Amino acid sequence: MIGVLLRFPHEVVMTRMLAALNEHGHDVSPTELRVLLYPGPDGRRPIDLARQCDMTRQAMNYVLSSLESRGYIERSAAAANASVVRLTERGWQLVPVIRTCIATIETEWAMHLGRRRFEALRSTLLDLSTWLGKLD
């Protein structure tokens, strides 16, 4: 089934990203990593992050509090009754670790599948994600 076939590679990617972050001294949980992934939390409202991660506002505030207490993010008032999440310097240190990990995975998968099949996979997933309204 397609859901399983999509889930298995996703699980591998998430596990590898968490391991890479851990190797670089970042103690990020799987739930926290979801918040940090594309498009990322910087400049976004907690309610929008909650929707992205399919969480309640209360659960998202708990996750954000954890990230904030460890210095990865800060929340600041943006407008009446709204706050905005900003990555701190420490939070921005996560970005190159994640991107390097993803680049390594993509290289490995392209070597396994062959460049043409890998690019077809990427193109197909991009088209599907756009059609589903997940990307602009």
C-alpha atoms as a PDB file:
ATOM      1  CA  MET A   1       0.000   0.000   0.000  1.00  0.00           C
ATOM      2  CA  ILE A   2       1.247   3.464  -0.883  1.00  0.00           C
ATOM      3  CA  GLY A   3       1.011   4.775   2.697  1.00  0.00           C
ATOM      4  CA  VAL A   4       3.410   2.142   3.948  1.00  0.00           C
ATOM      5  CA  LEU A   5       5.758   2.657   1.017  1.00  0.00           C
ATOM      6  CA  LEU A   6       5.897   6.381   1.821  1.00  0.00           C
ATOM      7  CA  ARG A   7       6.147   5.840   5.580  1.00  0.00           C
ATOM      8  CA  PHE A   8       9.204   3.572   5.527  1.00  0.00           C
ATOM      9  CA  PRO A   9      11.535   6.058   3.787  1.00  0.00           C
ATOM     10  CA  HIS A  10      10.123   8.861   5.964  1.00  0.00           C
ATOM     11  CA  GLU A  11      10.962   6.891   9.121  1.00  0.00           C
ATOM     12  CA  VAL A  12      14.518   6.369   7.889  1.00  0.00           C
ATOM     13  CA  VAL A  13      14.944  10.075   7.123  1.00  0.00           C
ATOM     14  CA  MET A  14      13.600  11.140  10.529  1.00  0.00           C
ATOM     15  CA  THR A  15      15.783   8.618  12.374  1.00  0.00           C
ATOM     16  CA  ARG A  16      18.876   9.745  10.484  1.00  0.00           C
ATOM     17  CA  MET A  17      18.152  13.445  11.115  1.00  0.00           C
ATOM     18  CA  LEU A  18      17.681  12.824  14.839  1.00  0.00           C
ATOM     19  CA  ALA A  19      20.929  10.839  14.973  1.00  0.00           C
ATOM     20  CA  ALA A  20      22.815  13.598  13.130  1.00  0.00           C
ATOM     21  CA  LEU A  21      21.455  16.252  15.484  1.00  0.00           C
ATOM     22  CA  ASN A  22      22.340  14.109  18.482  1.00  0.00           C
ATOM     23  CA  GLU A  23      25.891  13.614  17.148  1.00  0.00           C
ATOM     24  CA  HIS A  24      26.221  17.412  17.013  1.00  0.00           C
ATOM     25  CA  GLY A  25      25.078  17.810  20.613  1.00  0.00           C
ATOM     26  CA  HIS A  26      21.438  18.747  20.005  1.00  0.00           C
ATOM     27  CA  ASP A  27      18.865  17.022  22.198  1.00  0.00           C
ATOM     28  CA  VAL A  28      15.816  17.211  19.920  1.00  0.00           C
ATOM     29  CA  SER A  29      12.892  14.792  20.201  1.00  0.00           C
ATOM     30  CA  PRO A  30      10.986  13.417  17.191  1.00  0.00           C
ATOM     31  CA  THR A  31       8.050  15.710  17.991  1.00  0.00           C
ATOM     32  CA  GLU A  32      10.316  18.750  18.261  1.00  0.00           C
ATOM     33  CA  LEU A  33      11.967  17.838  14.980  1.00  0.00           C
ATOM     34  CA  ARG A  34       8.575  17.916  13.239  1.00  0.00           C
ATOM     35  CA  VAL A  35       8.207  21.553  14.330  1.00  0.00           C
ATOM     36  CA  LEU A  36      11.651  22.399  12.996  1.00  0.00           C
ATOM     37  CA  LEU A  37      11.160  20.873   9.540  1.00  0.00           C
ATOM     38  CA  TYR A  38      10.187  22.720   6.348  1.00  0.00           C
ATOM     39  CA  PRO A  39       9.019  25.396   6.271  1.00  0.00           C
ATOM     40  CA  GLY A  40      10.374  25.729   9.806  1.00  0.00           C
ATOM     41  CA  PRO A  41       9.086  27.726  12.754  1.00  0.00           C
ATOM     42  CA  ASP A  42      10.933  31.017  12.216  1.00  0.00           C
ATOM     43  CA  GLY A  43       8.454  33.864  11.882  1.00  0.00           C
ATOM     44  CA  ARG A  44       5.420  31.644  12.289  1.00  0.00           C
ATOM     45  CA  ARG A  45       2.641  31.696  14.833  1.00  0.00           C
ATOM     46  CA  PRO A  46       2.246  28.778  17.253  1.00  0.00           C
ATOM     47  CA  ILE A  47      -1.273  28.094  15.950  1.00  0.00           C
ATOM     48  CA  ASP A  48       0.092  27.654  12.416  1.00  0.00           C
ATOM     49  CA  LEU A  49       2.768  25.274  13.701  1.00  0.00           C
ATOM     50  CA  ALA A  50       0.094  23.322  15.573  1.00  0.00           C
ATOM     51  CA  ARG A  51      -1.897  22.915  12.355  1.00  0.00           C
ATOM     52  CA  GLN A  52       1.236  21.888  10.424  1.00  0.00           C
ATOM     53  CA  CYS A  53       2.035  19.206  13.008  1.00  0.00           C
ATOM     54  CA  ASP A  54      -1.601  18.162  13.528  1.00  0.00           C
ATOM     55  CA  MET A  55      -1.482  19.060  17.225  1.00  0.00           C
ATOM     56  CA  THR A  56      -3.650  21.005  19.579  1.00  0.00           C
ATOM     57  CA  ARG A  57      -2.518  24.505  20.534  1.00  0.00           C
ATOM     58  CA  GLN A  58      -1.885  23.260  24.051  1.00  0.00           C
ATOM     59  CA  ALA A  59       0.355  20.439  22.838  1.00  0.00           C
ATOM     60  CA  MET A  60       2.254  22.821  20.556  1.00  0.00           C
ATOM     61  CA  ASN A  61       2.787  25.265  23.417  1.00  0.00           C
ATOM     62  CA  TYR A  62       4.265  22.407  25.445  1.00  0.00           C
ATOM     63  CA  VAL A  63       6.666  21.530  22.584  1.00  0.00           C
ATOM     64  CA  LEU A  64       7.594  25.189  22.053  1.00  0.00           C
ATOM     65  CA  SER A  65       8.200  25.663  25.774  1.00  0.00           C
ATOM     66  CA  SER A  66      10.614  22.747  25.704  1.00  0.00           C
ATOM     67  CA  LEU A  67      12.490  24.144  22.692  1.00  0.00           C
ATOM     68  CA  GLU A  68      12.502  27.600  24.266  1.00  0.00           C
ATOM     69  CA  SER A  69      13.837  26.379  27.619  1.00  0.00           C
ATOM     70  CA  ARG A  70      16.788  24.779  25.826  1.00  0.00           C
ATOM     71  CA  GLY A  71      17.521  27.899  23.783  1.00  0.00           C
ATOM     72  CA  TYR A  72      16.430  26.796  20.291  1.00  0.00           C
ATOM     73  CA  ILE A  73      13.585  29.277  19.866  1.00  0.00           C
ATOM     74  CA  GLU A  74      12.082  32.367  21.426  1.00  0.00           C
ATOM     75  CA  ARG A  75       8.547  33.661  21.263  1.00  0.00           C
ATOM     76  CA  SER A  76       7.787  37.324  20.858  1.00  0.00           C
ATOM     77  CA  ALA A  77       4.595  39.329  20.642  1.00  0.00           C
ATOM     78  CA  ALA A  78       3.680  40.160  17.054  1.00  0.00           C
ATOM     79  CA  ALA A  79       0.188  41.599  17.238  1.00  0.00           C
ATOM     80  CA  ALA A  80      -2.682  41.717  19.662  1.00  0.00           C
ATOM     81  CA  ASN A  81      -2.961  38.310  21.343  1.00  0.00           C
ATOM     82  CA  ALA A  82      -0.508  36.698  18.925  1.00  0.00           C
ATOM     83  CA  SER A  83       3.053  35.555  19.281  1.00  0.00           C
ATOM     84  CA  VAL A  84       5.644  34.641  16.696  1.00  0.00           C
ATOM     85  CA  VAL A  85       8.329  32.001  17.001  1.00  0.00           C
ATOM     86  CA  ARG A  86      11.908  32.929  16.140  1.00  0.00           C
ATOM     87  CA  LEU A  87      14.879  30.622  15.913  1.00  0.00           C
ATOM     88  CA  THR A  88      17.738  31.667  18.150  1.00  0.00           C
ATOM     89  CA  GLU A  89      21.381  31.407  17.171  1.00  0.00           C
ATOM     90  CA  ARG A  90      21.360  27.909  18.652  1.00  0.00           C
ATOM     91  CA  GLY A  91      18.223  27.081  16.682  1.00  0.00           C
ATOM     92  CA  TRP A  92      19.839  28.197  13.432  1.00  0.00           C
ATOM     93  CA  GLN A  93      22.713  25.785  14.169  1.00  0.00           C
ATOM     94  CA  LEU A  94      20.280  22.928  13.521  1.00  0.00           C
ATOM     95  CA  VAL A  95      19.633  23.943   9.917  1.00  0.00           C
ATOM     96  CA  PRO A  96      22.994  22.999   8.343  1.00  0.00           C
ATOM     97  CA  VAL A  97      23.056  19.712  10.280  1.00  0.00           C
ATOM     98  CA  ILE A  98      19.631  18.774   8.918  1.00  0.00           C
ATOM     99  CA  ARG A  99      20.470  19.909   5.378  1.00  0.00           C
ATOM    100  CA  THR A 100      23.761  17.998   5.352  1.00  0.00           C
ATOM    101  CA  CYS A 101      21.991  14.869   6.578  1.00  0.00           C
ATOM    102  CA  ILE A 102      19.340  15.180   3.859  1.00  0.00           C
ATOM    103  CA  ALA A 103      21.982  15.759   1.169  1.00  0.00           C
ATOM    104  CA  THR A 104      23.794  12.606   2.305  1.00  0.00           C
ATOM    105  CA  ILE A 105      20.594  10.565   2.200  1.00  0.00           C
ATOM    106  CA  GLU A 106      19.734  11.892  -1.256  1.00  0.00           C
ATOM    107  CA  THR A 107      23.204  10.986  -2.536  1.00  0.00           C
ATOM    108  CA  GLU A 108      22.921   7.469  -1.128  1.00  0.00           C
ATOM    109  CA  TRP A 109      19.452   6.953  -2.556  1.00  0.00           C
ATOM    110  CA  ALA A 110      20.481   8.315  -5.961  1.00  0.00           C
ATOM    111  CA  MET A 111      23.413   5.905  -5.986  1.00  0.00           C
ATOM    112  CA  HIS A 112      21.103   3.004  -5.140  1.00  0.00           C
ATOM    113  CA  LEU A 113      18.290   3.901  -7.563  1.00  0.00           C
ATOM    114  CA  GLY A 114      20.384   5.556 -10.230  1.00  0.00           C
ATOM    115  CA  ARG A 115      20.253   9.283 -10.885  1.00  0.00           C
ATOM    116  CA  ARG A 116      17.415   9.089 -13.442  1.00  0.00           C
ATOM    117  CA  ARG A 117      15.100   7.021 -11.212  1.00  0.00           C
ATOM    118  CA  PHE A 118      15.903   9.164  -8.183  1.00  0.00           C
ATOM    119  CA  GLU A 119      15.121  12.387 -10.076  1.00  0.00           C
ATOM    120  CA  ALA A 120      11.887  10.817 -11.356  1.00  0.00           C
ATOM    121  CA  LEU A 121      10.968   9.940  -7.765  1.00  0.00           C
ATOM    122  CA  ARG A 122      11.728  13.467  -6.581  1.00  0.00           C
ATOM    123  CA  SER A 123       9.808  15.015  -9.482  1.00  0.00           C
ATOM    124  CA  THR A 124       6.798  12.769  -8.880  1.00  0.00           C
ATOM    125  CA  LEU A 125       6.710  13.544  -5.154  1.00  0.00           C
ATOM    126  CA  LEU A 126       7.066  17.277  -5.863  1.00  0.00           C
ATOM    127  CA  ASP A 127       4.198  17.163  -8.358  1.00  0.00           C
ATOM    128  CA  LEU A 128       2.008  15.187  -5.963  1.00  0.00           C
ATOM    129  CA  SER A 129       2.804  17.472  -3.004  1.00  0.00           C
ATOM    130  CA  THR A 130       1.984  20.553  -5.083  1.00  0.00           C
ATOM    131  CA  TRP A 131      -1.251  19.016  -6.361  1.00  0.00           C
ATOM    132  CA  LEU A 132      -2.236  18.164  -2.777  1.00  0.00           C
ATOM    133  CA  GLY A 133      -1.762  21.813  -1.809  1.00  0.00           C
ATOM    134  CA  LYS A 134       1.195  21.151   0.493  1.00  0.00           C
ATOM    135  CA  LEU A 135       3.667  23.218  -1.575  1.00  0.00           C
ATOM    136  CA  ASP A 136       3.236  26.411  -3.547  1.00  0.00           C
END
